[in-house]
Amino acid sequence: MMRCVLIDAHPDADRLSAHLLDTYAAALPPETEVVRLAIRDMDFTPDLSRGYEDVPPLEPDLAHALDAIERCDHLVLAFPLWWGAEPARLKGFWDRVLLPRRAFRYHTSDPWWDRLLRGRSADVIVTMDTPPLYLRLAYFDPLGWRYRRQLLGFVGFSPIRLLYFGMVRRGGAERNLPGWRARLAKAARSAKGLRRGKRSDQ
């Protein structure tokens, strides 16, 4: 049985991100164990005022979210692209939950690290007003690079599929929604078969 965590990271409810997650969830195999979270409903302080020198205790909502992420086989994240990045509260969420000794562990004798969330895969659903091809050609896809190398990939997630949907404005969402739904359903059906490798906790 695959354990799947779906995270709605849009600051507002009932937006396109939530609808796309609904589509994804509906196409998952029926035996999938699903945990669904919405960052806007979580009560936590999103900034680390002293970095990792003095990490505050996790609030209950963050503790629950991190526990779900650690238990999952597959993570699905949905958010809008604002100013080239995720919404601020999602960035704060990552700052708080991807903790040393929980998500990664630096070596003491060399510059490398252990990826403590190995053996898990991720689909990152991103809505945007920028045409996805333009994002790649003009901006060299900094979001995809960061999620694959410096964020989820840094702590061990692999493979990480970036699913871009745009452009949303000027009627783009209405025109393209059937195709977007089909693409998401295909991704959901194929998630169980992704080659994740051995989990770091096994």
C-alpha atoms as a PDB file:
ATOM      1  CA  MET A   1       0.000   0.000   0.000  1.00  0.00           C
ATOM      2  CA  MET A   2       1.319   3.428  -0.932  1.00  0.00           C
ATOM      3  CA  ARG A   3       1.151   6.194   1.665  1.00  0.00           C
ATOM      4  CA  CYS A   4       0.578   9.571   0.039  1.00  0.00           C
ATOM      5  CA  VAL A   5       0.602  13.066   1.566  1.00  0.00           C
ATOM      6  CA  LEU A   6      -1.153  15.845  -0.353  1.00  0.00           C
ATOM      7  CA  ILE A   7      -0.328  19.417   0.693  1.00  0.00           C
ATOM      8  CA  ASP A   8      -2.365  22.404  -0.472  1.00  0.00           C
ATOM      9  CA  ALA A   9      -0.013  25.367  -0.127  1.00  0.00           C
ATOM     10  CA  HIS A  10      -2.241  28.082  -1.587  1.00  0.00           C
ATOM     11  CA  PRO A  11      -2.911  30.768   1.058  1.00  0.00           C
ATOM     12  CA  ASP A  12      -6.590  30.853   0.051  1.00  0.00           C
ATOM     13  CA  ALA A  13      -9.170  28.073   0.023  1.00  0.00           C
ATOM     14  CA  ASP A  14     -11.134  26.843  -2.995  1.00  0.00           C
ATOM     15  CA  ARG A  15      -8.555  27.922  -5.543  1.00  0.00           C
ATOM     16  CA  LEU A  16      -7.130  26.144  -8.573  1.00  0.00           C
ATOM     17  CA  SER A  17      -4.464  24.419  -6.459  1.00  0.00           C
ATOM     18  CA  ALA A  18      -7.153  22.695  -4.381  1.00  0.00           C
ATOM     19  CA  HIS A  19      -9.079  21.669  -7.490  1.00  0.00           C
ATOM     20  CA  LEU A  20      -5.968  20.135  -9.062  1.00  0.00           C
ATOM     21  CA  LEU A  21      -5.248  18.225  -5.856  1.00  0.00           C
ATOM     22  CA  ASP A  22      -8.829  16.915  -5.916  1.00  0.00           C
ATOM     23  CA  THR A  23      -8.212  15.626  -9.433  1.00  0.00           C
ATOM     24  CA  TYR A  24      -4.943  13.992  -8.401  1.00  0.00           C
ATOM     25  CA  ALA A  25      -6.447  12.368  -5.305  1.00  0.00           C
ATOM     26  CA  ALA A  26      -9.386  10.954  -7.256  1.00  0.00           C
ATOM     27  CA  ALA A  27      -7.037   9.153  -9.662  1.00  0.00           C
ATOM     28  CA  LEU A  28      -4.867   7.489  -7.009  1.00  0.00           C
ATOM     29  CA  PRO A  29      -5.233   3.705  -6.651  1.00  0.00           C
ATOM     30  CA  PRO A  30      -8.108   2.933  -4.244  1.00  0.00           C
ATOM     31  CA  GLU A  31      -5.849   1.200  -1.721  1.00  0.00           C
ATOM     32  CA  THR A  32      -3.681   4.329  -1.284  1.00  0.00           C
ATOM     33  CA  GLU A  33      -3.502   5.730   2.246  1.00  0.00           C
ATOM     34  CA  VAL A  34      -4.002   9.491   1.828  1.00  0.00           C
ATOM     35  CA  VAL A  35      -3.267  12.298   4.280  1.00  0.00           C
ATOM     36  CA  ARG A  36      -4.323  15.745   3.088  1.00  0.00           C
ATOM     37  CA  LEU A  37      -3.018  18.955   4.633  1.00  0.00           C
ATOM     38  CA  ALA A  38      -3.531  22.672   3.970  1.00  0.00           C
ATOM     39  CA  ILE A  39      -0.766  24.987   5.106  1.00  0.00           C
ATOM     40  CA  ARG A  40      -3.198  27.908   5.466  1.00  0.00           C
ATOM     41  CA  ASP A  41      -4.995  25.966   8.219  1.00  0.00           C
ATOM     42  CA  MET A  42      -1.833  25.310  10.233  1.00  0.00           C
ATOM     43  CA  ASP A  43      -0.986  27.384  13.279  1.00  0.00           C
ATOM     44  CA  PHE A  44       2.776  28.015  13.333  1.00  0.00           C
ATOM     45  CA  THR A  45       5.422  30.720  13.261  1.00  0.00           C
ATOM     46  CA  PRO A  46       6.950  30.583   9.759  1.00  0.00           C
ATOM     47  CA  ASP A  47      10.330  32.156  10.474  1.00  0.00           C
ATOM     48  CA  LEU A  48      13.436  30.979  12.305  1.00  0.00           C
ATOM     49  CA  SER A  49      14.606  34.108  14.091  1.00  0.00           C
ATOM     50  CA  ARG A  50      17.925  32.509  15.105  1.00  0.00           C
ATOM     51  CA  GLY A  51      18.295  30.023  12.279  1.00  0.00           C
ATOM     52  CA  TYR A  52      19.186  26.514  13.385  1.00  0.00           C
ATOM     53  CA  GLU A  53      21.219  27.754  16.359  1.00  0.00           C
ATOM     54  CA  ASP A  54      18.104  27.801  18.522  1.00  0.00           C
ATOM     55  CA  VAL A  55      15.318  25.799  16.876  1.00  0.00           C
ATOM     56  CA  PRO A  56      11.939  26.306  18.561  1.00  0.00           C
ATOM     57  CA  PRO A  57       9.785  23.260  19.341  1.00  0.00           C
ATOM     58  CA  LEU A  58       7.445  22.252  16.553  1.00  0.00           C
ATOM     59  CA  GLU A  59       3.883  23.428  16.966  1.00  0.00           C
ATOM     60  CA  PRO A  60       1.354  20.541  16.938  1.00  0.00           C
ATOM     61  CA  ASP A  61       0.333  21.211  13.317  1.00  0.00           C
ATOM     62  CA  LEU A  62       3.963  21.118  12.163  1.00  0.00           C
ATOM     63  CA  ALA A  63       4.703  18.011  14.211  1.00  0.00           C
ATOM     64  CA  HIS A  64       1.740  16.274  12.569  1.00  0.00           C
ATOM     65  CA  ALA A  65       2.853  17.395   9.105  1.00  0.00           C
ATOM     66  CA  LEU A  66       6.448  16.269   9.578  1.00  0.00           C
ATOM     67  CA  ASP A  67       5.306  12.914  10.942  1.00  0.00           C
ATOM     68  CA  ALA A  68       3.089  12.445   7.871  1.00  0.00           C
ATOM     69  CA  ILE A  69       5.966  13.355   5.538  1.00  0.00           C
ATOM     70  CA  GLU A  70       8.314  10.931   7.296  1.00  0.00           C
ATOM     71  CA  ARG A  71       5.751   8.119   7.009  1.00  0.00           C
ATOM     72  CA  CYS A  72       4.807   8.763   3.383  1.00  0.00           C
ATOM     73  CA  ASP A  73       6.024   7.080   0.225  1.00  0.00           C
ATOM     74  CA  HIS A  74       4.899   9.881  -2.067  1.00  0.00           C
ATOM     75  CA  LEU A  75       4.427  13.611  -1.486  1.00  0.00           C
ATOM     76  CA  VAL A  76       2.175  15.807  -3.628  1.00  0.00           C
ATOM     77  CA  LEU A  77       2.465  19.563  -3.248  1.00  0.00           C
ATOM     78  CA  ALA A  78       0.369  22.235  -4.985  1.00  0.00           C
ATOM     79  CA  PHE A  79       0.896  25.999  -4.982  1.00  0.00           C
ATOM     80  CA  PRO A  80       0.830  29.085  -7.230  1.00  0.00           C
ATOM     81  CA  LEU A  81       4.044  30.630  -8.548  1.00  0.00           C
ATOM     82  CA  TRP A  82       4.331  34.165  -7.149  1.00  0.00           C
ATOM     83  CA  TRP A  83       7.350  36.320  -8.029  1.00  0.00           C
ATOM     84  CA  GLY A  84       9.242  33.290  -9.238  1.00  0.00           C
ATOM     85  CA  ALA A  85       8.785  31.247  -6.067  1.00  0.00           C
ATOM     86  CA  GLU A  86       6.297  29.596  -3.737  1.00  0.00           C
ATOM     87  CA  PRO A  87       4.077  31.652  -1.391  1.00  0.00           C
ATOM     88  CA  ALA A  88       5.920  32.895   1.687  1.00  0.00           C
ATOM     89  CA  ARG A  89       4.122  30.659   4.172  1.00  0.00           C
ATOM     90  CA  LEU A  90       5.181  27.542   2.260  1.00  0.00           C
ATOM     91  CA  LYS A  91       8.805  28.728   2.383  1.00  0.00           C
ATOM     92  CA  GLY A  92       8.387  29.181   6.133  1.00  0.00           C
ATOM     93  CA  PHE A  93       6.895  25.692   6.382  1.00  0.00           C
ATOM     94  CA  TRP A  94      10.005  24.188   4.786  1.00  0.00           C
ATOM     95  CA  ASP A  95      12.269  26.248   7.045  1.00  0.00           C
ATOM     96  CA  ARG A  96      10.511  24.835  10.087  1.00  0.00           C
ATOM     97  CA  VAL A  97      10.028  21.155   9.177  1.00  0.00           C
ATOM     98  CA  LEU A  98      13.132  20.225   7.157  1.00  0.00           C
ATOM     99  CA  LEU A  99      15.205  20.040  10.307  1.00  0.00           C
ATOM    100  CA  PRO A 100      18.742  18.826  10.931  1.00  0.00           C
ATOM    101  CA  ARG A 101      18.687  15.254  12.259  1.00  0.00           C
ATOM    102  CA  ARG A 102      15.125  14.810  10.991  1.00  0.00           C
ATOM    103  CA  ALA A 103      15.431  15.614   7.275  1.00  0.00           C
ATOM    104  CA  PHE A 104      19.213  15.706   6.811  1.00  0.00           C
ATOM    105  CA  ARG A 105      22.400  15.233   8.816  1.00  0.00           C
ATOM    106  CA  TYR A 106      25.739  16.854   8.028  1.00  0.00           C
ATOM    107  CA  HIS A 107      28.891  14.774   8.350  1.00  0.00           C
ATOM    108  CA  THR A 108      31.493  15.907  10.856  1.00  0.00           C
ATOM    109  CA  SER A 109      34.518  14.741   8.859  1.00  0.00           C
ATOM    110  CA  ASP A 110      33.654  15.939   5.338  1.00  0.00           C
ATOM    111  CA  PRO A 111      31.370  18.470   3.570  1.00  0.00           C
ATOM    112  CA  TRP A 112      28.655  15.932   2.676  1.00  0.00           C
ATOM    113  CA  TRP A 113      25.414  14.975   4.352  1.00  0.00           C
ATOM    114  CA  ASP A 114      22.928  12.141   4.826  1.00  0.00           C
ATOM    115  CA  ARG A 115      19.545  12.524   3.137  1.00  0.00           C
ATOM    116  CA  LEU A 116      17.234  11.258   5.847  1.00  0.00           C
ATOM    117  CA  LEU A 117      14.092  11.296   3.677  1.00  0.00           C
ATOM    118  CA  ARG A 118      15.444   8.972   0.985  1.00  0.00           C
ATOM    119  CA  GLY A 119      13.074   6.436  -0.508  1.00  0.00           C
ATOM    120  CA  ARG A 120      10.265   8.929  -1.074  1.00  0.00           C
ATOM    121  CA  SER A 121       9.097  10.523  -4.310  1.00  0.00           C
ATOM    122  CA  ALA A 122       7.292  13.797  -4.977  1.00  0.00           C
ATOM    123  CA  ASP A 123       5.046  15.512  -7.484  1.00  0.00           C
ATOM    124  CA  VAL A 124       5.099  19.317  -7.301  1.00  0.00           C
ATOM    125  CA  ILE A 125       2.064  20.950  -8.929  1.00  0.00           C
ATOM    126  CA  VAL A 126       2.657  24.606  -9.804  1.00  0.00           C
ATOM    127  CA  THR A 127       0.110  26.996 -11.316  1.00  0.00           C
ATOM    128  CA  MET A 128       1.374  30.164 -12.976  1.00  0.00           C
ATOM    129  CA  ASP A 129       0.571  33.053 -15.254  1.00  0.00           C
ATOM    130  CA  THR A 130       3.859  32.484 -17.084  1.00  0.00           C
ATOM    131  CA  PRO A 131       3.730  29.991 -19.954  1.00  0.00           C
ATOM    132  CA  PRO A 132       5.757  26.989 -18.719  1.00  0.00           C
ATOM    133  CA  LEU A 133       7.941  26.938 -21.838  1.00  0.00           C
ATOM    134  CA  TYR A 134       8.835  30.597 -21.270  1.00  0.00           C
ATOM    135  CA  LEU A 135       9.709  29.797 -17.646  1.00  0.00           C
ATOM    136  CA  ARG A 136      12.224  27.239 -18.856  1.00  0.00           C
ATOM    137  CA  LEU A 137      13.677  29.181 -21.795  1.00  0.00           C
ATOM    138  CA  ALA A 138      13.785  32.706 -20.364  1.00  0.00           C
ATOM    139  CA  TYR A 139      14.337  32.006 -16.668  1.00  0.00           C
ATOM    140  CA  PHE A 140      16.027  28.570 -16.859  1.00  0.00           C
ATOM    141  CA  ASP A 141      13.478  27.038 -14.481  1.00  0.00           C
ATOM    142  CA  PRO A 142      14.963  28.171 -11.137  1.00  0.00           C
ATOM    143  CA  LEU A 143      12.033  26.700  -9.198  1.00  0.00           C
ATOM    144  CA  GLY A 144      12.543  23.229 -10.622  1.00  0.00           C
ATOM    145  CA  TRP A 145      16.283  23.411 -10.027  1.00  0.00           C
ATOM    146  CA  ARG A 146      15.769  24.453  -6.404  1.00  0.00           C
ATOM    147  CA  TYR A 147      13.185  21.782  -5.584  1.00  0.00           C
ATOM    148  CA  ARG A 148      15.210  19.018  -7.215  1.00  0.00           C
ATOM    149  CA  ARG A 149      18.653  20.026  -5.925  1.00  0.00           C
ATOM    150  CA  GLN A 150      18.347  22.353  -2.938  1.00  0.00           C
ATOM    151  CA  LEU A 151      15.060  21.489  -1.246  1.00  0.00           C
ATOM    152  CA  LEU A 152      13.264  18.152  -1.626  1.00  0.00           C
ATOM    153  CA  GLY A 153      16.181  16.584  -3.437  1.00  0.00           C
ATOM    154  CA  PHE A 154      18.594  17.795  -0.758  1.00  0.00           C
ATOM    155  CA  VAL A 155      16.790  15.745   1.896  1.00  0.00           C
ATOM    156  CA  GLY A 156      16.433  12.646  -0.281  1.00  0.00           C
ATOM    157  CA  PHE A 157      13.228  12.808  -2.320  1.00  0.00           C
ATOM    158  CA  SER A 158      13.638  11.170  -5.730  1.00  0.00           C
ATOM    159  CA  PRO A 159      12.261  11.236  -8.317  1.00  0.00           C
ATOM    160  CA  ILE A 160      10.750  14.720  -8.122  1.00  0.00           C
ATOM    161  CA  ARG A 161       8.363  15.599 -10.933  1.00  0.00           C
ATOM    162  CA  LEU A 162       7.571  19.268 -11.530  1.00  0.00           C
ATOM    163  CA  LEU A 163       4.107  19.617 -13.073  1.00  0.00           C
ATOM    164  CA  TYR A 164       3.655  23.151 -14.417  1.00  0.00           C
ATOM    165  CA  PHE A 165       0.222  24.484 -15.384  1.00  0.00           C
ATOM    166  CA  GLY A 166      -0.082  27.829 -17.125  1.00  0.00           C
ATOM    167  CA  MET A 167      -0.886  30.242 -18.120  1.00  0.00           C
ATOM    168  CA  VAL A 168      -3.823  30.634 -15.756  1.00  0.00           C
ATOM    169  CA  ARG A 169      -4.866  34.198 -16.619  1.00  0.00           C
ATOM    170  CA  ARG A 170      -6.750  35.415 -19.684  1.00  0.00           C
ATOM    171  CA  GLY A 171      -8.990  32.355 -19.685  1.00  0.00           C
ATOM    172  CA  GLY A 172      -6.090  29.919 -19.864  1.00  0.00           C
ATOM    173  CA  ALA A 173      -7.289  27.819 -16.943  1.00  0.00           C
ATOM    174  CA  GLU A 174     -10.775  27.423 -18.383  1.00  0.00           C
ATOM    175  CA  ARG A 175      -9.481  26.445 -21.821  1.00  0.00           C
ATOM    176  CA  ASN A 176      -6.818  24.036 -20.613  1.00  0.00           C
ATOM    177  CA  LEU A 177      -8.428  22.468 -17.549  1.00  0.00           C
ATOM    178  CA  PRO A 178      -9.530  19.224 -19.281  1.00  0.00           C
ATOM    179  CA  GLY A 179      -5.982  18.590 -20.464  1.00  0.00           C
ATOM    180  CA  TRP A 180      -4.534  19.506 -17.088  1.00  0.00           C
ATOM    181  CA  ARG A 181      -6.888  17.077 -15.367  1.00  0.00           C
ATOM    182  CA  ALA A 182      -5.854  14.296 -17.718  1.00  0.00           C
ATOM    183  CA  ARG A 183      -2.178  15.003 -17.091  1.00  0.00           C
ATOM    184  CA  LEU A 184      -2.670  14.946 -13.325  1.00  0.00           C
ATOM    185  CA  ALA A 185      -4.679  11.738 -13.435  1.00  0.00           C
ATOM    186  CA  LYS A 186      -1.891  10.090 -15.424  1.00  0.00           C
ATOM    187  CA  ALA A 187       0.688  11.281 -12.880  1.00  0.00           C
ATOM    188  CA  ALA A 188      -1.401   9.943  -9.991  1.00  0.00           C
ATOM    189  CA  ARG A 189      -1.863   6.545 -11.609  1.00  0.00           C
ATOM    190  CA  SER A 190       1.878   6.236 -12.243  1.00  0.00           C
ATOM    191  CA  ALA A 191       2.991   7.387  -8.776  1.00  0.00           C
ATOM    192  CA  LYS A 192       2.939   3.930  -7.217  1.00  0.00           C
ATOM    193  CA  GLY A 193       5.381   2.601  -9.810  1.00  0.00           C
ATOM    194  CA  LEU A 194       8.050   5.281  -9.354  1.00  0.00           C
ATOM    195  CA  ARG A 195      11.510   3.951  -8.489  1.00  0.00           C
ATOM    196  CA  ARG A 196      12.171   5.478  -5.072  1.00  0.00           C
ATOM    197  CA  GLY A 197      15.120   3.465  -3.862  1.00  0.00           C
ATOM    198  CA  LYS A 198      15.649   2.280  -0.316  1.00  0.00           C
ATOM    199  CA  ARG A 199      14.260   4.385   2.518  1.00  0.00           C
ATOM    200  CA  SER A 200      16.771   5.819   4.944  1.00  0.00           C
ATOM    201  CA  ASP A 201      14.705   4.557   7.901  1.00  0.00           C
ATOM    202  CA  GLN A 202      14.767   0.911   6.800  1.00  0.00           C
END
